[in-house]
Amino acid sequence: MGNVDTGYAVAAIGFLLGFGFLQGLILVAALLWSGQARGLAGRFMAALIGLISIHLAYRWLGIGAVWSQYPQLSLLPAALVYCWGPLLYLYAYSMSRRRVSRWQFLHFLPSLLIGLLIATTLFYPEQAQQGLAQFIWRREFSDLSSLHGIPGFMRFLLEHYAHGNLFALQFGAYCYLVLGLIRQHKQQLECHFSSLEAIDLNWLRLMTAICLAFLLVYFVFNRWQLHWASESVALWMLNLPFLLLVVGIYIIGFKALYQPSVSADLTTLAAAAEPVKKYQRSSVEPSLADKTSDRLKQVMAQQKLYLDSELTLPQLASAVNLPPHQISQVLNETMQQTFFGFVNSYRIERAKQLLLTPGANLTIVELALEAGFKSKSSFYDAFKKATQMTPTQYRKSAL
């Protein structure tokens, strides 16, 4: 019965891994065909999905006993996982409109070095190569000491899970760096735009969360000695993290495929950000800062510029006839606000007035649009952050 269960497990897991490999290739082709990969960022994403797909195929061939027939090749694709983190990081780096220099490609050096290290297995005796394949894919023995011709560093790499742990630590570190890039990018956007829905990188945060979830499951299920479990159960548990990647590829690929084009907006950001950097080396005189602050409040209240959901810092600067960098400096240093927070404070006050207006039975969507917000979700989040209440709770508390 156990052999039958194992056979079913091998067939089912092989089917799912093969399906993930094929869908990954389709998504890579779709990215390239749609034009999303014309830019460097898109090419990084296509490469990431492609390498994940190759690893799924690698495991697919492994549980199908293919590597027992070609043991000399059983480890070579393993080094490619060290490219996942750099590719995700460089994708985020490019999407935040940073220029990728050739020095950034040094991120792939660990993968190259480990690849060269693993390539030494091609020169092992045939019996040692066969033993390695059996150890990796069948766990037919608990250590490699009985095999001759395998260096100590390779025994350590495999027997103590050093290879898997090193990959997990490296990939996790890059996920942390990506989250930092996303945070910095959002802070830059808030200095120049009053609505961020179409240009922030929240969807990239979701992608990074998927990668971290994979690593968590990888640590939980792939690091155990599963001697207590049946062979079929052990197969499912060891492959569970990679089966989750099958779902993850769908989410990551489609998010990358259908994410909005933000090049024009971010080019505007880059142009506006350059003069803003200069004020960090100087300061506005207190009297001028106060006049600028008063002027901003006056124009915002009289012209109700906040009702324009697409309002940007250069547009506000044009309305008050002041340079953008001076406005940004006064907002940050004198008024202790970002441009995003400054504009949204007027929108929140407008929403409060509408909520308390008798007979104005507006839906949340209508209320958001009337107050100058671009969407229901952005209004809801901003209102709750400012008042610690939902719009409905605020209306009830004021009655």
Protein backbone atom coordinates (compact mmCIF):
# COMPACT_ATOMS: atom_id res chain seq x y z
CA MET A 1 0.00 0.00 0.00
CA GLY A 2 2.87 2.30 0.83
CA ASN A 3 4.40 1.90 -2.61
CA VAL A 4 1.03 2.67 -4.20
CA ASP A 5 0.66 5.84 -2.09
CA THR A 6 4.19 6.88 -2.99
CA GLY A 7 3.48 6.30 -6.66
CA TYR A 8 0.36 8.48 -6.49
CA ALA A 9 2.31 11.18 -4.62
CA VAL A 10 5.11 11.15 -7.22
CA ALA A 11 2.58 11.39 -10.06
CA ALA A 12 0.54 14.18 -8.45
CA ILE A 13 3.56 16.26 -7.38
CA GLY A 14 5.20 15.74 -10.76
CA PHE A 15 2.06 16.93 -12.53
CA LEU A 16 1.82 20.09 -10.38
CA LEU A 17 5.51 20.92 -10.77
CA GLY A 18 5.33 20.33 -14.51
CA PHE A 19 2.24 22.49 -14.72
CA GLY A 20 4.05 25.25 -12.84
CA PHE A 21 7.03 25.00 -15.19
CA LEU A 22 4.82 25.31 -18.27
CA GLN A 23 2.75 28.18 -16.92
CA GLY A 24 5.96 30.00 -16.03
CA LEU A 25 7.21 29.71 -19.58
CA ILE A 26 3.85 30.99 -20.87
CA LEU A 27 4.04 34.00 -18.54
CA VAL A 28 7.60 34.78 -19.66
CA ALA A 29 6.47 34.65 -23.28
CA ALA A 30 3.47 36.84 -22.45
CA LEU A 31 5.71 39.41 -20.76
CA LEU A 32 8.01 39.56 -23.75
CA TRP A 33 5.20 39.59 -26.30
CA SER A 34 3.20 42.30 -24.49
CA GLY A 35 6.11 44.70 -24.49
CA GLN A 36 6.27 44.81 -20.68
CA ALA A 37 9.83 43.46 -20.85
CA ARG A 38 11.12 46.12 -23.26
CA GLY A 39 12.52 48.01 -20.33
CA LEU A 40 15.26 46.65 -18.09
CA ALA A 41 12.82 46.09 -15.21
CA GLY A 42 10.61 43.88 -17.36
CA ARG A 43 13.57 41.81 -18.46
CA PHE A 44 14.58 41.27 -14.83
CA MET A 45 11.06 40.04 -14.04
CA ALA A 46 10.95 37.75 -17.08
CA ALA A 47 14.31 36.29 -16.02
CA LEU A 48 13.09 35.76 -12.44
CA ILE A 49 9.94 33.92 -13.53
CA GLY A 50 12.01 31.93 -16.02
CA LEU A 51 14.52 30.79 -13.39
CA ILE A 52 11.77 29.85 -10.92
CA SER A 53 10.17 27.81 -13.71
CA ILE A 54 13.48 26.08 -14.42
CA HIS A 55 13.79 25.14 -10.75
CA LEU A 56 10.30 23.65 -10.77
CA ALA A 57 11.35 21.58 -13.79
CA TYR A 58 14.53 20.60 -11.93
CA ARG A 59 12.48 19.20 -9.04
CA TRP A 60 10.00 17.64 -11.46
CA LEU A 61 12.82 15.68 -13.09
CA GLY A 62 14.24 14.84 -9.67
CA ILE A 63 11.17 13.12 -8.24
CA GLY A 64 10.72 11.40 -11.58
CA ALA A 65 14.10 9.67 -11.10
CA VAL A 66 15.59 11.30 -14.21
CA TRP A 67 18.67 12.43 -12.29
CA SER A 68 19.47 8.82 -11.37
CA GLN A 69 20.09 8.27 -15.09
CA TYR A 70 22.13 11.48 -15.43
CA PRO A 71 23.70 11.85 -11.94
CA GLN A 72 26.50 14.09 -13.19
CA LEU A 73 23.90 16.81 -13.87
CA SER A 74 21.83 16.34 -10.70
CA LEU A 75 23.27 19.38 -8.89
CA LEU A 76 24.15 21.85 -11.65
CA PRO A 77 20.78 23.74 -11.80
CA ALA A 78 20.82 24.23 -8.00
CA ALA A 79 23.10 27.28 -8.24
CA LEU A 80 20.47 29.23 -10.19
CA VAL A 81 18.38 29.82 -7.05
CA TYR A 82 21.02 32.32 -5.93
CA CYS A 83 19.92 34.55 -8.82
CA TRP A 84 16.35 34.89 -7.51
CA GLY A 85 17.14 37.49 -4.86
CA PRO A 86 19.31 39.72 -7.08
CA LEU A 87 16.71 39.60 -9.88
CA LEU A 88 13.87 40.58 -7.52
CA TYR A 89 16.00 43.37 -6.06
CA LEU A 90 17.11 44.73 -9.45
CA TYR A 91 13.49 44.60 -10.67
CA ALA A 92 12.42 46.75 -7.70
CA TYR A 93 15.49 48.97 -8.17
CA SER A 94 14.55 49.58 -11.81
CA MET A 95 10.85 50.09 -11.07
CA SER A 96 11.70 52.85 -8.61
CA ARG A 97 13.41 54.63 -11.52
CA ARG A 98 16.92 54.17 -10.26
CA ARG A 99 19.62 53.77 -12.86
CA VAL A 100 21.13 50.28 -12.89
CA SER A 101 24.89 50.46 -13.35
CA ARG A 102 27.08 47.60 -14.47
CA TRP A 103 28.38 47.30 -10.90
CA GLN A 104 24.92 46.15 -9.83
CA PHE A 105 25.51 42.92 -11.72
CA LEU A 106 28.02 41.95 -9.04
CA HIS A 107 24.92 40.77 -7.16
CA PHE A 108 25.13 37.65 -9.34
CA LEU A 109 28.70 36.86 -8.24
CA PRO A 110 27.65 34.44 -5.43
CA SER A 111 25.57 32.46 -7.91
CA LEU A 112 28.56 32.25 -10.27
CA LEU A 113 30.93 31.14 -7.51
CA ILE A 114 28.54 28.51 -6.15
CA GLY A 115 27.87 27.37 -9.72
CA LEU A 116 31.61 26.83 -10.23
CA LEU A 117 31.77 24.99 -6.92
CA ILE A 118 28.90 22.70 -7.87
CA ALA A 119 30.40 22.18 -11.34
CA THR A 120 33.28 20.29 -9.69
CA THR A 121 30.85 17.37 -9.24
CA LEU A 122 31.30 16.72 -12.98
CA PHE A 123 34.76 15.40 -12.16
CA TYR A 124 33.71 13.11 -9.29
CA PRO A 125 33.90 9.33 -9.77
CA GLU A 126 30.76 7.84 -11.30
CA GLN A 127 29.87 6.03 -8.08
CA ALA A 128 30.10 9.29 -6.12
CA GLN A 129 27.89 11.09 -8.65
CA GLN A 130 25.30 8.32 -8.41
CA GLY A 131 25.44 8.43 -4.62
CA LEU A 132 24.93 12.20 -4.61
CA ALA A 133 21.84 11.88 -6.81
CA GLN A 134 20.41 9.17 -4.53
CA PHE A 135 21.19 11.22 -1.43
CA ILE A 136 19.52 14.36 -2.79
CA TRP A 137 16.42 12.84 -4.38
CA ARG A 138 15.89 9.53 -2.58
CA ARG A 139 17.52 9.94 0.86
CA GLU A 140 18.54 6.29 0.66
CA PHE A 141 21.24 6.84 3.31
CA SER A 142 21.70 9.42 6.07
CA ASP A 143 25.20 10.68 5.21
CA LEU A 144 27.82 10.69 2.48
CA SER A 145 30.71 9.23 4.48
CA SER A 146 30.44 5.87 2.74
CA LEU A 147 31.04 7.46 -0.67
CA HIS A 148 34.62 7.97 -1.83
CA GLY A 149 35.71 10.91 -3.93
CA ILE A 150 33.38 13.54 -2.40
CA PRO A 151 35.28 16.46 -0.79
CA GLY A 152 34.49 17.55 2.76
CA PHE A 153 33.04 20.90 1.69
CA MET A 154 30.46 19.15 -0.51
CA ARG A 155 29.49 16.80 2.33
CA PHE A 156 28.99 19.81 4.60
CA LEU A 157 27.02 21.65 1.92
CA LEU A 158 24.52 18.80 1.57
CA GLU A 159 24.47 16.87 4.86
CA HIS A 160 23.94 19.95 7.03
CA TYR A 161 21.53 21.71 4.65
CA ALA A 162 24.10 24.49 4.22
CA HIS A 163 23.10 24.96 0.58
CA GLY A 164 19.38 25.41 1.39
CA ASN A 165 20.03 27.57 4.44
CA LEU A 166 22.43 29.81 2.54
CA PHE A 167 19.88 30.27 -0.25
CA ALA A 168 17.10 31.07 2.24
CA LEU A 169 19.23 33.63 4.09
CA GLN A 170 20.36 35.28 0.87
CA PHE A 171 16.85 35.42 -0.63
CA GLY A 172 15.41 36.68 2.65
CA ALA A 173 18.03 39.44 2.83
CA TYR A 174 17.14 40.59 -0.69
CA CYS A 175 13.42 40.59 0.19
CA TYR A 176 14.28 42.90 3.12
CA LEU A 177 16.20 45.20 0.76
CA VAL A 178 13.25 45.26 -1.65
CA LEU A 179 10.88 46.32 1.15
CA GLY A 180 13.31 49.13 1.97
CA LEU A 181 13.31 50.30 -1.66
CA ILE A 182 9.52 50.30 -1.70
CA ARG A 183 9.42 52.40 1.48
CA GLN A 184 11.92 54.92 0.09
CA HIS A 185 10.03 55.10 -3.19
CA LYS A 186 6.76 55.86 -1.41
CA GLN A 187 8.41 58.64 0.62
CA GLN A 188 9.66 60.22 -2.62
CA LEU A 189 6.22 60.00 -4.21
CA GLU A 190 4.54 61.65 -1.22
CA CYS A 191 6.76 64.70 -1.73
CA HIS A 192 5.43 65.28 -5.26
CA PHE A 193 2.04 63.61 -5.79
CA SER A 194 -1.31 63.84 -4.01
CA SER A 195 -2.57 60.44 -5.26
CA LEU A 196 -0.40 57.36 -5.35
CA GLU A 197 -2.71 54.55 -6.50
CA ALA A 198 -1.34 54.21 -10.04
CA ILE A 199 2.32 54.88 -9.27
CA ASP A 200 3.15 53.27 -5.93
CA LEU A 201 4.72 49.83 -5.63
CA ASN A 202 2.23 48.16 -3.28
CA TRP A 203 1.81 45.29 -5.72
CA LEU A 204 5.58 44.73 -5.48
CA ARG A 205 5.19 44.54 -1.71
CA LEU A 206 2.65 41.74 -2.31
CA MET A 207 5.15 39.93 -4.52
CA THR A 208 7.81 40.21 -1.81
CA ALA A 209 5.34 38.92 0.78
CA ILE A 210 4.75 35.86 -1.42
CA CYS A 211 8.49 35.26 -1.56
CA LEU A 212 8.78 35.56 2.23
CA ALA A 213 5.84 33.17 2.69
CA PHE A 214 7.65 30.69 0.44
CA LEU A 215 10.79 31.00 2.59
CA LEU A 216 8.80 30.47 5.79
CA VAL A 217 7.24 27.27 4.46
CA TYR A 218 10.62 26.25 3.07
CA PHE A 219 12.19 26.51 6.53
CA VAL A 220 9.31 24.72 8.25
CA PHE A 221 8.91 21.78 5.89
CA ASN A 222 12.18 21.45 4.00
CA ARG A 223 14.64 21.57 6.91
CA TRP A 224 13.20 18.71 8.97
CA GLN A 225 14.52 15.19 9.15
CA LEU A 226 11.30 13.44 8.15
CA HIS A 227 12.20 9.91 9.30
CA TRP A 228 8.93 9.70 11.25
CA ALA A 229 6.78 10.29 8.14
CA SER A 230 5.86 7.80 5.44
CA GLU A 231 7.61 8.22 2.11
CA SER A 232 4.52 9.69 0.43
CA VAL A 233 3.92 12.20 3.25
CA ALA A 234 7.58 13.18 3.25
CA LEU A 235 7.42 13.79 -0.51
CA TRP A 236 4.46 16.15 -0.12
CA MET A 237 6.05 18.04 2.76
CA LEU A 238 9.43 18.42 1.07
CA ASN A 239 7.82 19.72 -2.12
CA LEU A 240 5.11 21.88 -0.50
CA PRO A 241 7.15 25.13 -0.68
CA PHE A 242 7.72 24.63 -4.39
CA LEU A 243 4.09 23.71 -5.02
CA LEU A 244 3.19 27.05 -3.43
CA LEU A 245 5.53 28.66 -5.96
CA VAL A 246 3.24 27.34 -8.69
CA VAL A 247 0.52 29.63 -7.30
CA GLY A 248 3.09 32.34 -6.61
CA ILE A 249 4.21 32.40 -10.26
CA TYR A 250 0.63 33.11 -11.34
CA ILE A 251 0.30 36.02 -8.93
CA ILE A 252 3.78 37.44 -9.56
CA GLY A 253 3.55 37.03 -13.33
CA PHE A 254 0.12 38.55 -13.75
CA LYS A 255 0.92 41.43 -11.42
CA ALA A 256 4.00 42.21 -13.50
CA LEU A 257 2.06 41.71 -16.74
CA TYR A 258 -0.81 44.04 -15.87
CA GLN A 259 0.86 46.56 -13.61
CA PRO A 260 0.19 50.11 -14.87
CA SER A 261 2.72 52.06 -16.82
CA VAL A 262 4.14 54.75 -14.57
CA SER A 263 7.09 55.95 -16.63
CA ALA A 264 5.67 59.40 -17.40
CA ASP A 265 4.74 60.10 -13.79
CA LEU A 266 8.08 58.90 -12.47
CA THR A 267 9.97 60.91 -15.07
CA THR A 268 8.11 63.95 -13.72
CA LEU A 269 9.17 62.88 -10.23
CA ALA A 270 12.80 62.59 -11.23
CA ALA A 271 12.75 66.04 -12.83
CA ALA A 272 11.07 67.61 -9.82
CA ALA A 273 13.25 65.84 -7.27
CA GLU A 274 16.53 67.25 -8.54
CA PRO A 275 16.04 70.85 -7.40
CA VAL A 276 14.48 69.62 -4.14
CA LYS A 277 17.80 67.94 -3.24
CA LYS A 278 19.53 71.33 -3.40
CA TYR A 279 17.56 72.89 -0.56
CA GLN A 280 18.97 70.28 1.84
CA ARG A 281 22.18 72.31 1.81
CA SER A 282 20.40 75.58 2.65
CA SER A 283 17.48 76.79 4.71
CA VAL A 284 14.60 79.19 4.13
CA GLU A 285 14.55 82.27 6.33
CA PRO A 286 11.82 82.02 9.00
CA SER A 287 9.98 85.09 7.70
CA LEU A 288 9.95 83.74 4.13
CA ALA A 289 8.91 80.30 5.36
CA ASP A 290 5.94 81.79 7.24
CA LYS A 291 4.87 83.83 4.20
CA THR A 292 5.13 80.75 1.98
CA SER A 293 3.11 78.69 4.46
CA ASP A 294 0.37 81.32 4.62
CA ARG A 295 0.34 81.63 0.84
CA LEU A 296 -0.05 77.87 0.41
CA LYS A 297 -2.96 77.70 2.85
CA GLN A 298 -4.66 80.71 1.28
CA VAL A 299 -4.47 79.41 -2.31
CA MET A 300 -5.46 75.88 -1.31
CA ALA A 301 -8.54 77.13 0.55
CA GLN A 302 -9.63 79.72 -2.01
CA GLN A 303 -9.01 77.79 -5.22
CA LYS A 304 -9.79 74.36 -3.71
CA LEU A 305 -6.95 72.77 -5.62
CA TYR A 306 -7.25 69.68 -3.42
CA LEU A 307 -10.40 68.68 -5.33
CA ASP A 308 -8.17 67.77 -8.27
CA SER A 309 -7.30 64.13 -7.60
CA GLU A 310 -4.27 64.40 -9.93
CA LEU A 311 -2.76 67.48 -8.25
CA THR A 312 1.06 67.48 -8.21
CA LEU A 313 3.70 69.64 -6.55
CA PRO A 314 4.63 71.48 -9.80
CA GLN A 315 0.93 72.33 -10.34
CA LEU A 316 0.63 73.75 -6.84
CA ALA A 317 3.88 75.67 -7.36
CA SER A 318 2.46 77.18 -10.54
CA ALA A 319 -0.73 78.23 -8.70
CA VAL A 320 1.17 80.03 -5.93
CA ASN A 321 3.89 81.29 -8.28
CA LEU A 322 6.72 79.82 -6.22
CA PRO A 323 9.46 77.31 -7.10
CA PRO A 324 8.60 73.66 -6.26
CA HIS A 325 11.73 73.14 -4.16
CA GLN A 326 10.80 76.07 -1.90
CA ILE A 327 7.29 74.70 -1.34
CA SER A 328 8.66 71.22 -0.63
CA GLN A 329 11.16 72.62 1.85
CA VAL A 330 8.56 74.68 3.70
CA LEU A 331 6.14 71.76 3.83
CA ASN A 332 8.78 69.40 5.23
CA GLU A 333 10.71 71.72 7.55
CA THR A 334 8.18 74.34 8.67
CA MET A 335 4.81 72.60 8.39
CA GLN A 336 6.15 69.11 9.16
CA GLN A 337 4.15 67.59 6.29
CA THR A 338 4.72 65.96 2.96
CA PHE A 339 2.94 67.32 -0.09
CA PHE A 340 0.74 64.20 -0.04
CA GLY A 341 -0.21 64.75 3.62
CA PHE A 342 -0.80 68.48 3.13
CA VAL A 343 -3.27 68.00 0.28
CA ASN A 344 -5.02 65.08 1.93
CA SER A 345 -5.59 67.09 5.11
CA TYR A 346 -7.84 69.43 3.09
CA ARG A 347 -9.60 66.49 1.48
CA ILE A 348 -10.30 64.95 4.89
CA GLU A 349 -11.77 68.23 6.16
CA ARG A 350 -13.95 68.42 3.04
CA ALA A 351 -15.12 64.84 3.65
CA LYS A 352 -15.99 65.70 7.27
CA GLN A 353 -18.14 68.62 6.07
CA LEU A 354 -19.96 66.42 3.60
CA LEU A 355 -20.56 63.74 6.23
CA LEU A 356 -22.21 66.27 8.53
CA THR A 357 -24.22 68.06 5.82
CA PRO A 358 -27.95 67.38 6.33
CA GLY A 359 -29.51 65.57 3.39
CA ALA A 360 -26.18 64.71 1.76
CA ASN A 361 -26.66 60.96 1.72
CA LEU A 362 -23.60 60.16 -0.33
CA THR A 363 -22.15 56.70 -0.78
CA ILE A 364 -18.53 56.16 0.23
CA VAL A 365 -17.44 56.25 -3.41
CA GLU A 366 -19.35 59.49 -4.06
CA LEU A 367 -17.98 61.00 -0.87
CA ALA A 368 -14.42 60.09 -1.85
CA LEU A 369 -14.73 61.64 -5.30
CA GLU A 370 -16.45 64.78 -3.97
CA ALA A 371 -13.59 65.30 -1.50
CA GLY A 372 -10.91 64.97 -4.18
CA PHE A 373 -9.78 61.40 -3.59
CA LYS A 374 -9.12 59.15 -6.53
CA SER A 375 -10.63 55.97 -5.12
CA LYS A 376 -12.69 54.58 -2.28
CA SER A 377 -9.76 52.67 -0.79
CA SER A 378 -7.43 55.68 -0.66
CA PHE A 379 -10.16 57.80 0.96
CA TYR A 380 -11.04 55.13 3.50
CA ASP A 381 -7.40 54.57 4.52
CA ALA A 382 -6.62 58.30 4.76
CA PHE A 383 -9.78 59.09 6.73
CA LYS A 384 -9.22 56.31 9.24
CA LYS A 385 -5.57 57.27 9.67
CA ALA A 386 -6.51 60.92 10.33
CA THR A 387 -9.50 60.34 12.63
CA GLN A 388 -9.00 56.78 13.96
CA MET A 389 -12.60 56.20 12.81
CA THR A 390 -14.38 55.03 9.69
CA PRO A 391 -16.56 57.64 7.91
CA THR A 392 -19.71 55.95 9.28
CA GLN A 393 -18.36 55.96 12.83
CA TYR A 394 -17.39 59.64 12.49
CA ARG A 395 -20.89 60.59 11.33
CA LYS A 396 -22.49 58.72 14.26
CA SER A 397 -20.11 60.24 16.80
CA ALA A 398 -20.88 63.78 15.60
CA LEU A 399 -24.67 63.41 15.78
